[in-house]
PDB file of all heavy atoms in Angstrom:
ATOM      1  N   GLU A   1     -19.828  -1.913   7.698  1.00  0.00           N
ATOM      2  CA  GLU A   1     -19.613  -1.047   6.538  1.00  0.00           C
ATOM      3  C   GLU A   1     -20.532  -1.365   5.354  1.00  0.00           C
ATOM      4  O   GLU A   1     -21.030  -0.436   4.710  1.00  0.00           O
ATOM      5  CB  GLU A   1     -18.152  -1.052   6.100  1.00  0.00           C
ATOM      6  CG  GLU A   1     -17.688  -2.396   5.575  1.00  0.00           C
ATOM      7  CD  GLU A   1     -16.250  -2.367   5.091  1.00  0.00           C
ATOM      8  OE1 GLU A   1     -15.811  -1.335   4.563  1.00  0.00           O
ATOM      9  OE2 GLU A   1     -15.578  -3.391   5.234  1.00  0.00           O
ATOM     10  N   ALA A   2     -20.767  -2.617   5.067  1.00  0.00           N
ATOM     11  CA  ALA A   2     -21.619  -2.962   3.925  1.00  0.00           C
ATOM     12  C   ALA A   2     -23.034  -2.444   4.133  1.00  0.00           C
ATOM     13  O   ALA A   2     -23.660  -1.909   3.208  1.00  0.00           O
ATOM     14  CB  ALA A   2     -21.629  -4.472   3.706  1.00  0.00           C
ATOM     15  N   LYS A   3     -23.532  -2.553   5.347  1.00  0.00           N
ATOM     16  CA  LYS A   3     -24.887  -2.109   5.669  1.00  0.00           C
ATOM     17  C   LYS A   3     -24.974  -0.584   5.796  1.00  0.00           C
ATOM     18  O   LYS A   3     -25.975   0.020   5.419  1.00  0.00           O
ATOM     19  CB  LYS A   3     -25.319  -2.767   6.986  1.00  0.00           C
ATOM     20  CG  LYS A   3     -26.698  -2.418   7.446  1.00  0.00           C
ATOM     21  CD  LYS A   3     -27.015  -3.153   8.738  1.00  0.00           C
ATOM     22  CE  LYS A   3     -28.347  -2.707   9.303  1.00  0.00           C
ATOM     23  NZ  LYS A   3     -28.628  -3.344  10.594  1.00  0.00           N
ATOM     24  N   THR A   4     -23.937   0.042   6.312  1.00  0.00           N
ATOM     25  CA  THR A   4     -23.956   1.466   6.636  1.00  0.00           C
ATOM     26  C   THR A   4     -23.597   2.371   5.463  1.00  0.00           C
ATOM     27  O   THR A   4     -24.076   3.509   5.387  1.00  0.00           O
ATOM     28  CB  THR A   4     -22.978   1.734   7.808  1.00  0.00           C
ATOM     29  OG1 THR A   4     -23.295   0.842   8.869  1.00  0.00           O
ATOM     30  CG2 THR A   4     -23.072   3.146   8.318  1.00  0.00           C
ATOM     31  N   THR A   5     -22.785   1.893   4.540  1.00  0.00           N
ATOM     32  CA  THR A   5     -22.281   2.736   3.446  1.00  0.00           C
ATOM     33  C   THR A   5     -23.383   3.403   2.627  1.00  0.00           C
ATOM     34  O   THR A   5     -23.302   4.611   2.371  1.00  0.00           O
ATOM     35  CB  THR A   5     -21.326   1.928   2.549  1.00  0.00           C
ATOM     36  OG1 THR A   5     -20.194   1.538   3.345  1.00  0.00           O
ATOM     37  CG2 THR A   5     -20.843   2.742   1.359  1.00  0.00           C
ATOM     38  N   PRO A   6     -24.434   2.702   2.185  1.00  0.00           N
ATOM     39  CA  PRO A   6     -25.462   3.381   1.375  1.00  0.00           C
ATOM     40  C   PRO A   6     -26.104   4.572   2.095  1.00  0.00           C
ATOM     41  O   PRO A   6     -26.330   5.627   1.485  1.00  0.00           O
ATOM     42  CB  PRO A   6     -26.493   2.278   1.099  1.00  0.00           C
ATOM     43  CG  PRO A   6     -25.720   1.004   1.198  1.00  0.00           C
ATOM     44  CD  PRO A   6     -24.704   1.256   2.287  1.00  0.00           C
ATOM     45  N   GLY A   7     -26.370   4.439   3.379  1.00  0.00           N
ATOM     46  CA  GLY A   7     -26.953   5.541   4.143  1.00  0.00           C
ATOM     47  C   GLY A   7     -26.000   6.712   4.266  1.00  0.00           C
ATOM     48  O   GLY A   7     -26.411   7.881   4.210  1.00  0.00           O
ATOM     49  N   LEU A   8     -24.717   6.421   4.412  1.00  0.00           N
ATOM     50  CA  LEU A   8     -23.729   7.497   4.500  1.00  0.00           C
ATOM     51  C   LEU A   8     -23.595   8.225   3.174  1.00  0.00           C
ATOM     52  O   LEU A   8     -23.483   9.450   3.137  1.00  0.00           O
ATOM     53  CB  LEU A   8     -22.379   6.945   4.953  1.00  0.00           C
ATOM     54  CG  LEU A   8     -22.321   6.478   6.403  1.00  0.00           C
ATOM     55  CD1 LEU A   8     -20.992   5.781   6.688  1.00  0.00           C
ATOM     56  CD2 LEU A   8     -22.531   7.644   7.353  1.00  0.00           C
ATOM     57  N   VAL A   9     -23.630   7.489   2.078  1.00  0.00           N
ATOM     58  CA  VAL A   9     -23.573   8.128   0.756  1.00  0.00           C
ATOM     59  C   VAL A   9     -24.790   9.029   0.573  1.00  0.00           C
ATOM     60  O   VAL A   9     -24.669  10.158   0.083  1.00  0.00           O
ATOM     61  CB  VAL A   9     -23.463   7.077  -0.379  1.00  0.00           C
ATOM     62  CG1 VAL A   9     -23.645   7.719  -1.742  1.00  0.00           C
ATOM     63  CG2 VAL A   9     -22.121   6.359  -0.295  1.00  0.00           C
ATOM     64  N   ALA A  10     -25.943   8.580   1.013  1.00  0.00           N
ATOM     65  CA  ALA A  10     -27.154   9.415   0.926  1.00  0.00           C
ATOM     66  C   ALA A  10     -26.991  10.685   1.762  1.00  0.00           C
ATOM     67  O   ALA A  10     -27.396  11.774   1.334  1.00  0.00           O
ATOM     68  CB  ALA A  10     -28.376   8.629   1.393  1.00  0.00           C
ATOM     69  N   ARG A  11     -26.406  10.558   2.942  1.00  0.00           N
ATOM     70  CA  ARG A  11     -26.160  11.744   3.778  1.00  0.00           C
ATOM     71  C   ARG A  11     -25.211  12.708   3.089  1.00  0.00           C
ATOM     72  O   ARG A  11     -25.389  13.921   3.154  1.00  0.00           O
ATOM     73  CB  ARG A  11     -25.583  11.331   5.139  1.00  0.00           C
ATOM     74  CG  ARG A  11     -26.600  10.680   6.048  1.00  0.00           C
ATOM     75  CD  ARG A  11     -25.986  10.235   7.350  1.00  0.00           C
ATOM     76  NE  ARG A  11     -25.688  11.386   8.205  1.00  0.00           N
ATOM     77  CZ  ARG A  11     -25.267  11.271   9.447  1.00  0.00           C
ATOM     78  NH1 ARG A  11     -25.085  10.082   9.991  1.00  0.00           N
ATOM     79  NH2 ARG A  11     -25.019  12.348  10.167  1.00  0.00           N
ATOM     80  N   LEU A  12     -24.192  12.163   2.425  1.00  0.00           N
ATOM     81  CA  LEU A  12     -23.240  13.020   1.716  1.00  0.00           C
ATOM     82  C   LEU A  12     -23.914  13.739   0.557  1.00  0.00           C
ATOM     83  O   LEU A  12     -23.622  14.906   0.289  1.00  0.00           O
ATOM     84  CB  LEU A  12     -22.044  12.194   1.223  1.00  0.00           C
ATOM     85  CG  LEU A  12     -21.142  11.633   2.316  1.00  0.00           C
ATOM     86  CD1 LEU A  12     -20.118  10.672   1.716  1.00  0.00           C
ATOM     87  CD2 LEU A  12     -20.459  12.747   3.093  1.00  0.00           C
ATOM     88  N   TRP A  13     -24.834  13.070  -0.128  1.00  0.00           N
ATOM     89  CA  TRP A  13     -25.603  13.713  -1.200  1.00  0.00           C
ATOM     90  C   TRP A  13     -26.432  14.861  -0.629  1.00  0.00           C
ATOM     91  O   TRP A  13     -26.652  15.860  -1.298  1.00  0.00           O
ATOM     92  CB  TRP A  13     -26.535  12.725  -1.902  1.00  0.00           C
ATOM     93  CG  TRP A  13     -25.955  12.173  -3.157  1.00  0.00           C
ATOM     94  CD1 TRP A  13     -25.608  10.868  -3.380  1.00  0.00           C
ATOM     95  CD2 TRP A  13     -25.638  12.884  -4.351  1.00  0.00           C
ATOM     96  NE1 TRP A  13     -25.085  10.733  -4.632  1.00  0.00           N
ATOM     97  CE2 TRP A  13     -25.101  11.955  -5.263  1.00  0.00           C
ATOM     98  CE3 TRP A  13     -25.741  14.214  -4.742  1.00  0.00           C
ATOM     99  CZ2 TRP A  13     -24.672  12.306  -6.533  1.00  0.00           C
ATOM    100  CZ3 TRP A  13     -25.311  14.568  -6.011  1.00  0.00           C
ATOM    101  CH2 TRP A  13     -24.789  13.628  -6.889  1.00  0.00           C
ATOM    102  N   GLY A  14     -26.884  14.715   0.585  1.00  0.00           N
ATOM    103  CA  GLY A  14     -27.670  15.760   1.238  1.00  0.00           C
ATOM    104  C   GLY A  14     -26.805  16.851   1.832  1.00  0.00           C
ATOM    105  O   GLY A  14     -27.269  17.645   2.636  1.00  0.00           O
ATOM    106  N   ALA A  15     -25.550  16.897   1.451  1.00  0.00           N
ATOM    107  CA  ALA A  15     -24.590  17.925   1.877  1.00  0.00           C
ATOM    108  C   ALA A  15     -24.165  17.793   3.336  1.00  0.00           C
ATOM    109  O   ALA A  15     -23.643  18.733   3.913  1.00  0.00           O
ATOM    110  CB  ALA A  15     -25.120  19.322   1.590  1.00  0.00           C
ATOM    111  N   THR A  16     -24.385  16.637   3.934  1.00  0.00           N
ATOM    112  CA  THR A  16     -23.880  16.396   5.278  1.00  0.00           C
ATOM    113  C   THR A  16     -22.375  16.186   5.177  1.00  0.00           C
ATOM    114  O   THR A  16     -21.908  15.442   4.321  1.00  0.00           O
ATOM    115  CB  THR A  16     -24.526  15.140   5.888  1.00  0.00           C
ATOM    116  OG1 THR A  16     -25.922  15.357   6.015  1.00  0.00           O
ATOM    117  CG2 THR A  16     -23.936  14.816   7.243  1.00  0.00           C
ATOM    118  N   ARG A  17     -21.642  16.854   6.035  1.00  0.00           N
ATOM    119  CA  ARG A  17     -20.193  16.696   6.049  1.00  0.00           C
ATOM    120  C   ARG A  17     -19.822  15.722   7.146  1.00  0.00           C
ATOM    121  O   ARG A  17     -20.256  15.845   8.281  1.00  0.00           O
ATOM    122  CB  ARG A  17     -19.525  18.045   6.285  1.00  0.00           C
ATOM    123  CG  ARG A  17     -19.747  18.984   5.119  1.00  0.00           C
ATOM    124  CD  ARG A  17     -19.053  20.304   5.325  1.00  0.00           C
ATOM    125  NE  ARG A  17     -17.617  20.061   5.460  1.00  0.00           N
ATOM    126  CZ  ARG A  17     -16.788  20.895   6.063  1.00  0.00           C
ATOM    127  NH1 ARG A  17     -17.219  22.004   6.584  1.00  0.00           N
ATOM    128  NH2 ARG A  17     -15.499  20.614   6.146  1.00  0.00           N
ATOM    129  N   CYS A  18     -19.022  14.717   6.783  1.00  0.00           N
ATOM    130  CA  CYS A  18     -18.558  13.716   7.731  1.00  0.00           C
ATOM    131  C   CYS A  18     -17.040  13.652   7.681  1.00  0.00           C
ATOM    132  O   CYS A  18     -16.432  13.983   6.672  1.00  0.00           O
ATOM    133  CB  CYS A  18     -19.106  12.333   7.365  1.00  0.00           C
ATOM    134  SG  CYS A  18     -20.888  12.213   7.388  1.00  0.00           S
ATOM    135  N   ALA A  19     -16.440  13.197   8.761  1.00  0.00           N
ATOM    136  CA  ALA A  19     -15.001  12.976   8.817  1.00  0.00           C
ATOM    137  C   ALA A  19     -14.765  11.571   9.339  1.00  0.00           C
ATOM    138  O   ALA A  19     -15.526  11.071  10.161  1.00  0.00           O
ATOM    139  CB  ALA A  19     -14.342  13.994   9.733  1.00  0.00           C
ATOM    140  N   GLY A  20     -13.714  10.946   8.850  1.00  0.00           N
ATOM    141  CA  GLY A  20     -13.377   9.605   9.305  1.00  0.00           C
ATOM    142  C   GLY A  20     -12.192   9.628  10.254  1.00  0.00           C
ATOM    143  O   GLY A  20     -11.224  10.345  10.027  1.00  0.00           O
ATOM    144  N   VAL A  21     -12.295   8.847  11.323  1.00  0.00           N
ATOM    145  CA  VAL A  21     -11.208   8.715  12.280  1.00  0.00           C
ATOM    146  C   VAL A  21     -10.845   7.239  12.343  1.00  0.00           C
ATOM    147  O   VAL A  21     -11.716   6.377  12.424  1.00  0.00           O
ATOM    148  CB  VAL A  21     -11.641   9.219  13.676  1.00  0.00           C
ATOM    149  CG1 VAL A  21     -10.549   8.974  14.693  1.00  0.00           C
ATOM    150  CG2 VAL A  21     -11.989  10.687  13.616  1.00  0.00           C
ATOM    151  N   ASP A  22      -9.559   6.964  12.305  1.00  0.00           N
ATOM    152  CA  ASP A  22      -9.079   5.602  12.206  1.00  0.00           C
ATOM    153  C   ASP A  22      -7.950   5.377  13.199  1.00  0.00           C
ATOM    154  O   ASP A  22      -7.287   6.320  13.602  1.00  0.00           O
ATOM    155  CB  ASP A  22      -8.583   5.388  10.777  1.00  0.00           C
ATOM    156  CG  ASP A  22      -8.304   3.963  10.445  1.00  0.00           C
ATOM    157  OD1 ASP A  22      -7.830   3.236  11.316  1.00  0.00           O
ATOM    158  OD2 ASP A  22      -8.546   3.564   9.305  1.00  0.00           O
ATOM    159  N   ALA A  23      -7.709   4.151  13.526  1.00  0.00           N
ATOM    160  CA  ALA A  23      -6.624   3.827  14.445  1.00  0.00           C
ATOM    161  C   ALA A  23      -5.263   3.790  13.738  1.00  0.00           C
ATOM    162  O   ALA A  23      -4.237   3.915  14.368  1.00  0.00           O
ATOM    163  CB  ALA A  23      -6.895   2.480  15.109  1.00  0.00           C
ATOM    164  N   GLY A  24      -5.258   3.636  12.422  1.00  0.00           N
ATOM    165  CA  GLY A  24      -4.008   3.553  11.676  1.00  0.00           C
ATOM    166  C   GLY A  24      -4.007   4.529  10.521  1.00  0.00           C
ATOM    167  O   GLY A  24      -4.485   5.644  10.632  1.00  0.00           O
ATOM    168  N   THR A  25      -3.480   4.084   9.378  1.00  0.00           N
ATOM    169  CA  THR A  25      -3.460   4.930   8.189  1.00  0.00           C
ATOM    170  C   THR A  25      -4.858   4.947   7.604  1.00  0.00           C
ATOM    171  O   THR A  25      -5.370   3.917   7.184  1.00  0.00           O
ATOM    172  CB  THR A  25      -2.462   4.381   7.148  1.00  0.00           C
ATOM    173  OG1 THR A  25      -1.186   4.300   7.772  1.00  0.00           O
ATOM    174  CG2 THR A  25      -2.385   5.305   5.945  1.00  0.00           C
ATOM    175  N   PRO A  26      -5.521   6.099   7.613  1.00  0.00           N
ATOM    176  CA  PRO A  26      -6.928   6.147   7.205  1.00  0.00           C
ATOM    177  C   PRO A  26      -7.165   5.884   5.719  1.00  0.00           C
ATOM    178  O   PRO A  26      -6.372   6.286   4.881  1.00  0.00           O
ATOM    179  CB  PRO A  26      -7.361   7.560   7.587  1.00  0.00           C
ATOM    180  CG  PRO A  26      -6.111   8.320   7.803  1.00  0.00           C
ATOM    181  CD  PRO A  26      -5.008   7.354   8.049  1.00  0.00           C
ATOM    182  N   LEU A  27      -8.257   5.200   5.468  1.00  0.00           N
ATOM    183  CA  LEU A  27      -8.832   4.993   4.143  1.00  0.00           C
ATOM    184  C   LEU A  27      -8.002   4.146   3.193  1.00  0.00           C
ATOM    185  O   LEU A  27      -8.286   4.085   2.018  1.00  0.00           O
ATOM    186  CB  LEU A  27      -9.138   6.346   3.479  1.00  0.00           C
ATOM    187  CG  LEU A  27     -10.047   7.280   4.264  1.00  0.00           C
ATOM    188  CD1 LEU A  27     -10.231   8.566   3.496  1.00  0.00           C
ATOM    189  CD2 LEU A  27     -11.380   6.645   4.550  1.00  0.00           C
ATOM    190  N   ILE A  28      -6.971   3.485   3.680  1.00  0.00           N
ATOM    191  CA  ILE A  28      -6.166   2.657   2.787  1.00  0.00           C
ATOM    192  C   ILE A  28      -6.789   1.266   2.670  1.00  0.00           C
ATOM    193  O   ILE A  28      -7.154   0.835   1.593  1.00  0.00           O
ATOM    194  CB  ILE A  28      -4.698   2.576   3.269  1.00  0.00           C
ATOM    195  CG1 ILE A  28      -4.092   3.974   3.354  1.00  0.00           C
ATOM    196  CG2 ILE A  28      -3.877   1.662   2.372  1.00  0.00           C
ATOM    197  CD1 ILE A  28      -4.115   4.771   2.073  1.00  0.00           C
ATOM    198  N   SER A  29      -6.890   0.545   3.760  1.00  0.00           N
ATOM    199  CA  SER A  29      -7.488  -0.788   3.708  1.00  0.00           C
ATOM    200  C   SER A  29      -8.603  -0.909   4.736  1.00  0.00           C
ATOM    201  O   SER A  29      -8.998  -1.992   5.109  1.00  0.00           O
ATOM    202  CB  SER A  29      -6.420  -1.847   3.980  1.00  0.00           C
ATOM    203  OG  SER A  29      -5.889  -1.660   5.270  1.00  0.00           O
ATOM    204  N   ASP A  30      -9.094   0.204   5.162  1.00  0.00           N
ATOM    205  CA  ASP A  30     -10.106   0.242   6.207  1.00  0.00           C
ATOM    206  C   ASP A  30     -11.490   0.453   5.607  1.00  0.00           C
ATOM    207  O   ASP A  30     -11.629   0.671   4.405  1.00  0.00           O
ATOM    208  CB  ASP A  30      -9.780   1.369   7.191  1.00  0.00           C
ATOM    209  CG  ASP A  30      -8.468   1.108   7.904  1.00  0.00           C
ATOM    210  OD1 ASP A  30      -8.332   0.020   8.479  1.00  0.00           O
ATOM    211  OD2 ASP A  30      -7.591   1.968   7.858  1.00  0.00           O
ATOM    212  N   PRO A  31     -12.517   0.450   6.442  1.00  0.00           N
ATOM    213  CA  PRO A  31     -13.877   0.674   5.941  1.00  0.00           C
ATOM    214  C   PRO A  31     -14.020   1.973   5.153  1.00  0.00           C
ATOM    215  O   PRO A  31     -14.835   2.072   4.256  1.00  0.00           O
ATOM    216  CB  PRO A  31     -14.727   0.720   7.211  1.00  0.00           C
ATOM    217  CG  PRO A  31     -13.961  -0.086   8.188  1.00  0.00           C
ATOM    218  CD  PRO A  31     -12.515   0.161   7.871  1.00  0.00           C
ATOM    219  N   GLY A  32     -13.208   2.954   5.444  1.00  0.00           N
ATOM    220  CA  GLY A  32     -13.272   4.222   4.722  1.00  0.00           C
ATOM    221  C   GLY A  32     -13.060   4.067   3.231  1.00  0.00           C
ATOM    222  O   GLY A  32     -13.636   4.810   2.427  1.00  0.00           O
ATOM    223  N   SER A  33     -12.277   3.085   2.827  1.00  0.00           N
ATOM    224  CA  SER A  33     -12.034   2.889   1.397  1.00  0.00           C
ATOM    225  C   SER A  33     -13.328   2.506   0.676  1.00  0.00           C
ATOM    226  O   SER A  33     -13.589   2.964  -0.432  1.00  0.00           O
ATOM    227  CB  SER A  33     -10.953   1.834   1.160  1.00  0.00           C
ATOM    228  OG  SER A  33     -11.346   0.589   1.685  1.00  0.00           O
ATOM    229  N   ARG A  34     -14.165   1.701   1.315  1.00  0.00           N
ATOM    230  CA  ARG A  34     -15.445   1.319   0.717  1.00  0.00           C
ATOM    231  C   ARG A  34     -16.342   2.552   0.555  1.00  0.00           C
ATOM    232  O   ARG A  34     -16.995   2.731  -0.462  1.00  0.00           O
ATOM    233  CB  ARG A  34     -16.167   0.282   1.566  1.00  0.00           C
ATOM    234  CG  ARG A  34     -17.524  -0.127   0.977  1.00  0.00           C
ATOM    235  CD  ARG A  34     -18.288  -1.052   1.901  1.00  0.00           C
ATOM    236  NE  ARG A  34     -17.638  -2.338   1.986  1.00  0.00           N
ATOM    237  CZ  ARG A  34     -18.195  -3.488   1.606  1.00  0.00           C
ATOM    238  NH1 ARG A  34     -19.431  -3.501   1.157  1.00  0.00           N
ATOM    239  NH2 ARG A  34     -17.557  -4.606   1.715  1.00  0.00           N
ATOM    240  N   LEU A  35     -16.346   3.427   1.550  1.00  0.00           N
ATOM    241  CA  LEU A  35     -17.166   4.637   1.497  1.00  0.00           C
ATOM    242  C   LEU A  35     -16.682   5.573   0.394  1.00  0.00           C
ATOM    243  O   LEU A  35     -17.477   6.130  -0.354  1.00  0.00           O
ATOM    244  CB  LEU A  35     -17.161   5.353   2.844  1.00  0.00           C
ATOM    245  CG  LEU A  35     -17.965   6.650   2.913  1.00  0.00           C
ATOM    246  CD1 LEU A  35     -19.434   6.424   2.542  1.00  0.00           C
ATOM    247  CD2 LEU A  35     -17.859   7.249   4.309  1.00  0.00           C
ATOM    248  N   VAL A  36     -15.376   5.730   0.269  1.00  0.00           N
ATOM    249  CA  VAL A  36     -14.825   6.599  -0.779  1.00  0.00           C
ATOM    250  C   VAL A  36     -15.197   6.062  -2.158  1.00  0.00           C
ATOM    251  O   VAL A  36     -15.663   6.812  -3.021  1.00  0.00           O
ATOM    252  CB  VAL A  36     -13.294   6.752  -0.633  1.00  0.00           C
ATOM    253  CG1 VAL A  36     -12.699   7.459  -1.849  1.00  0.00           C
ATOM    254  CG2 VAL A  36     -12.976   7.524   0.635  1.00  0.00           C
ATOM    255  N   VAL A  37     -15.040   4.772  -2.376  1.00  0.00           N
ATOM    256  CA  VAL A  37     -15.396   4.166  -3.665  1.00  0.00           C
ATOM    257  C   VAL A  37     -16.882   4.350  -3.952  1.00  0.00           C
ATOM    258  O   VAL A  37     -17.269   4.746  -5.053  1.00  0.00           O
ATOM    259  CB  VAL A  37     -15.006   2.659  -3.694  1.00  0.00           C
ATOM    260  CG1 VAL A  37     -15.606   1.964  -4.895  1.00  0.00           C
ATOM    261  CG2 VAL A  37     -13.501   2.518  -3.698  1.00  0.00           C
ATOM    262  N   ALA A  38     -17.729   4.107  -2.961  1.00  0.00           N
ATOM    263  CA  ALA A  38     -19.172   4.245  -3.154  1.00  0.00           C
ATOM    264  C   ALA A  38     -19.551   5.702  -3.439  1.00  0.00           C
ATOM    265  O   ALA A  38     -20.402   5.977  -4.288  1.00  0.00           O
ATOM    266  CB  ALA A  38     -19.927   3.745  -1.919  1.00  0.00           C
ATOM    267  N   ALA A  39     -18.905   6.643  -2.757  1.00  0.00           N
ATOM    268  CA  ALA A  39     -19.199   8.073  -2.994  1.00  0.00           C
ATOM    269  C   ALA A  39     -18.768   8.492  -4.380  1.00  0.00           C
ATOM    270  O   ALA A  39     -19.471   9.227  -5.068  1.00  0.00           O
ATOM    271  CB  ALA A  39     -18.500   8.916  -1.925  1.00  0.00           C
ATOM    272  N   VAL A  40     -17.618   8.010  -4.833  1.00  0.00           N
ATOM    273  CA  VAL A  40     -17.151   8.329  -6.190  1.00  0.00           C
ATOM    274  C   VAL A  40     -18.100   7.729  -7.225  1.00  0.00           C
ATOM    275  O   VAL A  40     -18.500   8.393  -8.180  1.00  0.00           O
ATOM    276  CB  VAL A  40     -15.698   7.821  -6.403  1.00  0.00           C
ATOM    277  CG1 VAL A  40     -15.318   7.881  -7.868  1.00  0.00           C
ATOM    278  CG2 VAL A  40     -14.725   8.636  -5.555  1.00  0.00           C
ATOM    279  N   GLU A  41     -18.469   6.466  -7.032  1.00  0.00           N
ATOM    280  CA  GLU A  41     -19.394   5.817  -7.972  1.00  0.00           C
ATOM    281  C   GLU A  41     -20.733   6.523  -8.029  1.00  0.00           C
ATOM    282  O   GLU A  41     -21.387   6.566  -9.074  1.00  0.00           O
ATOM    283  CB  GLU A  41     -19.573   4.345  -7.603  1.00  0.00           C
ATOM    284  CG  GLU A  41     -18.356   3.509  -7.887  1.00  0.00           C
ATOM    285  CD  GLU A  41     -18.477   2.070  -7.420  1.00  0.00           C
ATOM    286  OE1 GLU A  41     -19.455   1.729  -6.708  1.00  0.00           O
ATOM    287  OE2 GLU A  41     -17.579   1.273  -7.755  1.00  0.00           O
ATOM    288  N   ALA A  42     -21.165   7.093  -6.906  1.00  0.00           N
ATOM    289  CA  ALA A  42     -22.456   7.806  -6.854  1.00  0.00           C
ATOM    290  C   ALA A  42     -22.333   9.242  -7.359  1.00  0.00           C
ATOM    291  O   ALA A  42     -23.337   9.944  -7.488  1.00  0.00           O
ATOM    292  CB  ALA A  42     -22.987   7.803  -5.422  1.00  0.00           C
ATOM    293  N   GLY A  43     -21.104   9.683  -7.617  1.00  0.00           N
ATOM    294  CA  GLY A  43     -20.897  11.038  -8.114  1.00  0.00           C
ATOM    295  C   GLY A  43     -20.858  12.099  -7.028  1.00  0.00           C
ATOM    296  O   GLY A  43     -20.933  13.292  -7.329  1.00  0.00           O
ATOM    297  N   VAL A  44     -20.746  11.673  -5.781  1.00  0.00           N
ATOM    298  CA  VAL A  44     -20.681  12.631  -4.669  1.00  0.00           C
ATOM    299  C   VAL A  44     -19.318  13.304  -4.640  1.00  0.00           C
ATOM    300  O   VAL A  44     -19.212  14.490  -4.381  1.00  0.00           O
ATOM    301  CB  VAL A  44     -20.966  11.943  -3.319  1.00  0.00           C
ATOM    302  CG1 VAL A  44     -20.786  12.900  -2.167  1.00  0.00           C
ATOM    303  CG2 VAL A  44     -22.364  11.350  -3.311  1.00  0.00           C
ATOM    304  N   LEU A  45     -18.262  12.546  -4.874  1.00  0.00           N
ATOM    305  CA  LEU A  45     -16.888  13.083  -4.868  1.00  0.00           C
ATOM    306  C   LEU A  45     -16.366  13.220  -6.271  1.00  0.00           C
ATOM    307  O   LEU A  45     -16.657  12.498  -7.140  1.00  0.00           O
ATOM    308  CB  LEU A  45     -15.958  12.160  -4.069  1.00  0.00           C
ATOM    309  CG  LEU A  45     -16.311  11.961  -2.609  1.00  0.00           C
ATOM    310  CD1 LEU A  45     -15.345  10.966  -1.980  1.00  0.00           C
ATOM    311  CD2 LEU A  45     -16.215  13.268  -1.850  1.00  0.00           C
TER     312      LEU A  45
END
């Protein structure tokens, strides 16, 4: 997640739509939370 998040945020800026799939409750304590925070900080969300 640390290595992949910046590239995913760049893809989101480019209007790429992504969805997250998780084994449990999504985006609470999983890698998705890091992506959401990074996207918000970058102004994507």
